[in-house]
């Protein structure tokens, strides 16, 4: 019984053996947890750029993955999503060094942080989990388009069900709850994916060329809960019922490589299959408004 329970917890497996020779993948926050396991899997298929805030940890993860997979094309780069200057520098360097980008996995995330702000004054969860990735995607979009078929994969969470986009208090200055702040940012990931897919479809005639999907990795035993003593403690007790990072990475890998998703866009997956999106995550008006507010906050024009 224990084994079948464990198997249930492990959830869907990505069965695709798709190769990514000559292709380039960027994964944010890939020095630990799900991101690192996603990088480990994709490094067996093609070139992977591990983009992380802590370059020392990123280098360590990259060299471990290079040694294990024998793929020398696993490269660590500095990217701090809590600072738009760092995001712009990363994108500039990447575009100067690489001609193509085939898969962008917006994986990095912060969870349950005490109230704090990014370098640009955004509430930390919204700033890193949503706005940072929004800007990164914007800066790399042309390169992705020219490399089509290309995919954008946004790691969201089941927690999006508890989120609302509070336009009157986006940065939590009036009221702040770190659990809810995380939920709000994960809802923003779903809405961003939805609106991005809608815009990309409108633009490209060969619809299948360019997709954007979101996913819930599962409840994974990772460092994300480091800011909460209670969660860390609960995580330890219930670790048997949590996915390992390797199991949690399956849906990210699936969205990045599975052949059957070639022309699937604007969807949300869990356990390598389509999953239920909350009513708030399907609200096109909110998605459009969030898009324009995000552009305003970041000072960009993205039509």
Foldseek 3Di string as FASTA:
>chain_A
DLVVLLVVLLFAFQPDPAAQAVAEEEFEPCLWFLNLLLLLVNLLHYAYEYEYQDQVSQVVSQVVSCVVNVRPRYHYDYADLLDVVRLVVRLVVCVVPDQAHAEYEHEDAAALADFDHGPLGATRRQSRLPLSVVSNCVSCVVRNLVRWLHEYEREAAPLLLLEACPVVQRRQPVHDDRRRNNNNNSLLSLLLQQVVLVVVCVPDPVQLTYAYEYEHLWAELICNCVNDPVVPVVCVVCVSSHHYSNSSNRLVNLRGGPPVCSNPHSFYYYSSHGDDDHPNSVDNVVSVVSVVVSCVSVVHDDD
